[in-house]
Amino acid sequence: MSGGAININDAVVIYLKHYPGKNDAEFDSHFGPNAATARSQVRQVLDEAMKLEPDWNSMNLNEAGDFVESVIHERHPELSAKSLECIGNYFTYLMR
């Protein structure tokens, strides 16, 4: 990837590929000199997802994950279904 824009979908999917394990080697090799920027962009979206507050009185864990995917999709329409699924899974893993 030379100097251009970072594909946020690739970044999210590769970053979370082995979560909760790390995938730094593949991530760094995929993004090369842009890895730090790509990682920062992924962290911003994940941090945003973790700040969402589902209504735990009316939602179970799966519904909360769907809620997070839906809100992040509204805020970031550029994210693919696969990226949103990864973000939802990340959220539910940390919340369970």
N, C-alpha and C. Protein backbone atom coordinates (compact mmCIF):
# COMPACT_ATOMS: atom_id res chain seq x y z
N MET A 1 0.86 -1.18 0.00
CA MET A 1 0.00 0.00 0.00
C MET A 1 0.90 1.23 0.00
N SER A 2 0.84 1.99 -1.04
CA SER A 2 1.79 3.09 -1.13
C SER A 2 1.11 4.43 -0.92
N GLY A 3 1.39 5.02 0.21
CA GLY A 3 1.01 6.40 0.47
C GLY A 3 -0.45 6.76 0.42
N GLY A 4 -1.31 5.93 -0.18
CA GLY A 4 -2.71 6.32 -0.35
C GLY A 4 -3.51 6.17 0.92
N ALA A 5 -4.81 6.25 0.74
CA ALA A 5 -5.70 6.11 1.89
C ALA A 5 -5.67 4.68 2.40
N ILE A 6 -5.88 4.55 3.67
CA ILE A 6 -5.92 3.23 4.30
C ILE A 6 -7.33 2.67 4.14
N ASN A 7 -7.43 1.41 3.73
CA ASN A 7 -8.74 0.77 3.65
C ASN A 7 -9.15 0.37 5.07
N ILE A 8 -10.08 1.12 5.61
CA ILE A 8 -10.48 0.90 7.00
C ILE A 8 -11.09 -0.48 7.19
N ASN A 9 -11.76 -1.00 6.16
CA ASN A 9 -12.35 -2.33 6.28
C ASN A 9 -11.26 -3.39 6.42
N ASP A 10 -10.24 -3.32 5.58
CA ASP A 10 -9.11 -4.24 5.72
C ASP A 10 -8.49 -4.10 7.11
N ALA A 11 -8.34 -2.86 7.55
CA ALA A 11 -7.69 -2.59 8.83
C ALA A 11 -8.47 -3.23 9.99
N VAL A 12 -9.78 -3.03 10.01
CA VAL A 12 -10.61 -3.57 11.09
C VAL A 12 -10.57 -5.10 11.07
N VAL A 13 -10.77 -5.68 9.89
CA VAL A 13 -10.85 -7.14 9.79
C VAL A 13 -9.52 -7.79 10.16
N ILE A 14 -8.42 -7.25 9.66
CA ILE A 14 -7.10 -7.83 9.97
C ILE A 14 -6.75 -7.61 11.44
N TYR A 15 -7.05 -6.42 11.96
CA TYR A 15 -6.74 -6.11 13.36
C TYR A 15 -7.45 -7.08 14.30
N LEU A 16 -8.72 -7.38 14.01
CA LEU A 16 -9.53 -8.20 14.91
C LEU A 16 -9.53 -9.69 14.53
N LYS A 17 -8.77 -10.06 13.53
CA LYS A 17 -8.81 -11.42 12.98
C LYS A 17 -8.64 -12.51 14.04
N HIS A 18 -7.72 -12.34 14.95
CA HIS A 18 -7.44 -13.37 15.96
C HIS A 18 -7.83 -12.91 17.37
N TYR A 19 -8.66 -11.86 17.46
CA TYR A 19 -9.02 -11.31 18.75
C TYR A 19 -9.67 -12.39 19.61
N PRO A 20 -9.29 -12.51 20.90
CA PRO A 20 -8.52 -11.57 21.70
C PRO A 20 -7.00 -11.70 21.55
N GLY A 21 -6.56 -12.60 20.70
CA GLY A 21 -5.13 -12.65 20.43
C GLY A 21 -4.73 -11.50 19.53
N LYS A 22 -3.45 -11.23 19.45
CA LYS A 22 -2.95 -10.13 18.61
C LYS A 22 -2.69 -10.64 17.21
N ASN A 23 -2.73 -9.73 16.26
CA ASN A 23 -2.43 -10.06 14.87
C ASN A 23 -1.47 -9.01 14.32
N ASP A 24 -0.53 -8.59 15.18
CA ASP A 24 0.35 -7.47 14.82
C ASP A 24 1.23 -7.76 13.61
N ALA A 25 1.76 -8.96 13.50
CA ALA A 25 2.69 -9.25 12.40
C ALA A 25 1.99 -9.11 11.05
N GLU A 26 0.81 -9.74 10.92
CA GLU A 26 0.08 -9.64 9.65
C GLU A 26 -0.36 -8.20 9.40
N PHE A 27 -0.83 -7.54 10.45
CA PHE A 27 -1.29 -6.15 10.32
C PHE A 27 -0.15 -5.26 9.84
N ASP A 28 1.00 -5.36 10.52
CA ASP A 28 2.15 -4.53 10.17
C ASP A 28 2.64 -4.84 8.76
N SER A 29 2.63 -6.12 8.39
CA SER A 29 3.11 -6.47 7.07
C SER A 29 2.14 -5.99 5.99
N HIS A 30 0.84 -6.03 6.28
CA HIS A 30 -0.17 -5.58 5.30
C HIS A 30 -0.08 -4.06 5.08
N PHE A 31 0.07 -3.31 6.16
CA PHE A 31 0.02 -1.84 6.05
C PHE A 31 1.39 -1.18 5.98
N GLY A 32 2.45 -1.94 6.27
CA GLY A 32 3.80 -1.40 6.14
C GLY A 32 3.98 -0.10 6.88
N PRO A 33 4.50 0.93 6.19
CA PRO A 33 4.78 2.20 6.86
C PRO A 33 3.51 2.91 7.35
N ASN A 34 2.34 2.48 6.88
CA ASN A 34 1.08 3.09 7.33
C ASN A 34 0.44 2.34 8.50
N ALA A 35 1.15 1.34 9.04
CA ALA A 35 0.55 0.49 10.08
C ALA A 35 0.13 1.29 11.31
N ALA A 36 0.95 2.21 11.75
CA ALA A 36 0.61 2.98 12.96
C ALA A 36 -0.65 3.82 12.73
N THR A 37 -0.75 4.43 11.56
CA THR A 37 -1.93 5.23 11.22
C THR A 37 -3.17 4.33 11.12
N ALA A 38 -3.01 3.19 10.46
CA ALA A 38 -4.13 2.26 10.32
C ALA A 38 -4.59 1.77 11.69
N ARG A 39 -3.64 1.42 12.55
CA ARG A 39 -3.97 0.93 13.90
C ARG A 39 -4.71 2.02 14.67
N SER A 40 -4.27 3.26 14.54
CA SER A 40 -4.92 4.37 15.21
C SER A 40 -6.37 4.54 14.74
N GLN A 41 -6.59 4.40 13.43
CA GLN A 41 -7.95 4.53 12.89
C GLN A 41 -8.85 3.41 13.41
N VAL A 42 -8.32 2.20 13.48
CA VAL A 42 -9.09 1.08 14.01
C VAL A 42 -9.42 1.34 15.48
N ARG A 43 -8.42 1.76 16.26
CA ARG A 43 -8.64 2.02 17.69
C ARG A 43 -9.71 3.09 17.89
N GLN A 44 -9.73 4.11 17.04
CA GLN A 44 -10.75 5.16 17.17
C GLN A 44 -12.15 4.58 17.02
N VAL A 45 -12.34 3.72 16.02
CA VAL A 45 -13.66 3.12 15.79
C VAL A 45 -14.01 2.17 16.94
N LEU A 46 -13.04 1.38 17.39
CA LEU A 46 -13.31 0.44 18.48
C LEU A 46 -13.61 1.18 19.78
N ASP A 47 -12.87 2.24 20.04
CA ASP A 47 -13.12 3.04 21.25
C ASP A 47 -14.52 3.66 21.19
N GLU A 48 -14.90 4.13 20.00
CA GLU A 48 -16.23 4.71 19.81
C GLU A 48 -17.29 3.63 20.08
N ALA A 49 -17.07 2.44 19.58
CA ALA A 49 -18.03 1.34 19.79
C ALA A 49 -18.17 1.03 21.27
N MET A 50 -17.05 1.03 21.99
CA MET A 50 -17.08 0.67 23.40
C MET A 50 -17.74 1.75 24.27
N LYS A 51 -17.87 2.95 23.74
CA LYS A 51 -18.53 4.03 24.49
C LYS A 51 -20.04 3.98 24.35
N LEU A 52 -20.53 3.18 23.41
CA LEU A 52 -21.98 3.06 23.23
C LEU A 52 -22.58 2.36 24.43
N GLU A 53 -23.80 2.73 24.75
CA GLU A 53 -24.46 2.16 25.92
C GLU A 53 -25.79 1.55 25.53
N PRO A 54 -25.79 0.27 25.22
CA PRO A 54 -27.05 -0.41 24.92
C PRO A 54 -27.95 -0.38 26.15
N ASP A 55 -29.24 -0.51 25.92
CA ASP A 55 -30.18 -0.59 27.04
C ASP A 55 -30.17 -2.02 27.57
N TRP A 56 -29.34 -2.24 28.58
CA TRP A 56 -29.16 -3.60 29.11
C TRP A 56 -30.43 -4.12 29.77
N ASN A 57 -31.38 -3.24 30.07
CA ASN A 57 -32.65 -3.69 30.65
C ASN A 57 -33.53 -4.35 29.61
N SER A 58 -33.33 -4.00 28.35
CA SER A 58 -34.19 -4.56 27.31
C SER A 58 -33.44 -5.39 26.28
N MET A 59 -32.11 -5.44 26.38
CA MET A 59 -31.32 -6.16 25.38
C MET A 59 -30.47 -7.24 26.03
N ASN A 60 -30.37 -8.37 25.31
CA ASN A 60 -29.40 -9.37 25.73
C ASN A 60 -28.08 -9.06 25.02
N LEU A 61 -27.07 -9.88 25.24
CA LEU A 61 -25.74 -9.61 24.69
C LEU A 61 -25.76 -9.56 23.16
N ASN A 62 -26.45 -10.51 22.52
CA ASN A 62 -26.50 -10.52 21.05
C ASN A 62 -27.19 -9.28 20.51
N GLU A 63 -28.29 -8.88 21.15
CA GLU A 63 -29.00 -7.68 20.71
C GLU A 63 -28.14 -6.44 20.91
N ALA A 64 -27.37 -6.41 21.99
CA ALA A 64 -26.46 -5.28 22.22
C ALA A 64 -25.41 -5.23 21.13
N GLY A 65 -24.89 -6.39 20.73
CA GLY A 65 -23.92 -6.43 19.63
C GLY A 65 -24.53 -5.91 18.34
N ASP A 66 -25.78 -6.29 18.07
CA ASP A 66 -26.48 -5.79 16.87
C ASP A 66 -26.68 -4.28 16.95
N PHE A 67 -27.02 -3.80 18.16
CA PHE A 67 -27.20 -2.37 18.38
C PHE A 67 -25.90 -1.62 18.06
N VAL A 68 -24.78 -2.13 18.55
CA VAL A 68 -23.48 -1.50 18.32
C VAL A 68 -23.17 -1.48 16.82
N GLU A 69 -23.40 -2.61 16.14
CA GLU A 69 -23.16 -2.67 14.69
C GLU A 69 -24.01 -1.62 13.97
N SER A 70 -25.27 -1.50 14.38
CA SER A 70 -26.19 -0.57 13.74
C SER A 70 -25.75 0.89 13.94
N VAL A 71 -25.40 1.25 15.16
CA VAL A 71 -24.98 2.63 15.44
C VAL A 71 -23.67 2.96 14.71
N ILE A 72 -22.72 2.05 14.76
CA ILE A 72 -21.45 2.28 14.07
C ILE A 72 -21.67 2.36 12.57
N HIS A 73 -22.59 1.55 12.04
CA HIS A 73 -22.91 1.62 10.61
C HIS A 73 -23.48 2.99 10.24
N GLU A 74 -24.35 3.53 11.08
CA GLU A 74 -24.92 4.87 10.83
C GLU A 74 -23.82 5.93 10.84
N ARG A 75 -22.90 5.82 11.79
CA ARG A 75 -21.84 6.82 11.93
C ARG A 75 -20.73 6.64 10.90
N HIS A 76 -20.54 5.41 10.44
CA HIS A 76 -19.45 5.09 9.51
C HIS A 76 -19.99 4.23 8.35
N PRO A 77 -20.75 4.86 7.45
CA PRO A 77 -21.37 4.08 6.36
C PRO A 77 -20.35 3.41 5.44
N GLU A 78 -19.10 3.82 5.53
CA GLU A 78 -18.06 3.22 4.68
C GLU A 78 -17.66 1.83 5.16
N LEU A 79 -18.06 1.46 6.37
CA LEU A 79 -17.67 0.16 6.91
C LEU A 79 -18.50 -0.96 6.29
N SER A 80 -17.83 -2.03 5.94
CA SER A 80 -18.48 -3.19 5.33
C SER A 80 -19.22 -4.01 6.38
N ALA A 81 -20.08 -4.89 5.91
CA ALA A 81 -20.81 -5.80 6.80
C ALA A 81 -19.82 -6.64 7.61
N LYS A 82 -18.73 -7.08 6.98
CA LYS A 82 -17.72 -7.90 7.67
C LYS A 82 -17.05 -7.08 8.79
N SER A 83 -16.70 -5.84 8.50
CA SER A 83 -16.10 -4.97 9.53
C SER A 83 -17.06 -4.77 10.69
N LEU A 84 -18.32 -4.49 10.37
CA LEU A 84 -19.31 -4.25 11.42
C LEU A 84 -19.50 -5.50 12.27
N GLU A 85 -19.50 -6.66 11.64
CA GLU A 85 -19.63 -7.92 12.38
C GLU A 85 -18.44 -8.09 13.33
N CYS A 86 -17.24 -7.79 12.86
CA CYS A 86 -16.04 -7.89 13.70
C CYS A 86 -16.14 -6.94 14.89
N ILE A 87 -16.62 -5.72 14.64
CA ILE A 87 -16.75 -4.72 15.71
C ILE A 87 -17.81 -5.18 16.72
N GLY A 88 -18.92 -5.71 16.23
CA GLY A 88 -19.97 -6.23 17.12
C GLY A 88 -19.46 -7.38 17.97
N ASN A 89 -18.68 -8.27 17.36
CA ASN A 89 -18.11 -9.40 18.10
C ASN A 89 -17.11 -8.93 19.15
N TYR A 90 -16.33 -7.91 18.80
CA TYR A 90 -15.37 -7.32 19.73
C TYR A 90 -16.12 -6.77 20.95
N PHE A 91 -17.18 -6.03 20.68
CA PHE A 91 -17.98 -5.44 21.75
C PHE A 91 -18.56 -6.52 22.66
N THR A 92 -19.19 -7.53 22.07
CA THR A 92 -19.85 -8.54 22.90
C THR A 92 -18.80 -9.36 23.66
N TYR A 93 -17.64 -9.58 23.07
CA TYR A 93 -16.58 -10.32 23.78
C TYR A 93 -16.18 -9.55 25.05
N LEU A 94 -16.00 -8.24 24.91
CA LEU A 94 -15.56 -7.45 26.06
C LEU A 94 -16.67 -7.26 27.09
N MET A 95 -17.92 -7.35 26.67
CA MET A 95 -19.04 -7.10 27.58
C MET A 95 -19.55 -8.35 28.29
N ARG A 96 -19.16 -9.53 27.80
CA ARG A 96 -19.78 -10.73 28.37
C ARG A 96 -19.28 -11.03 29.77
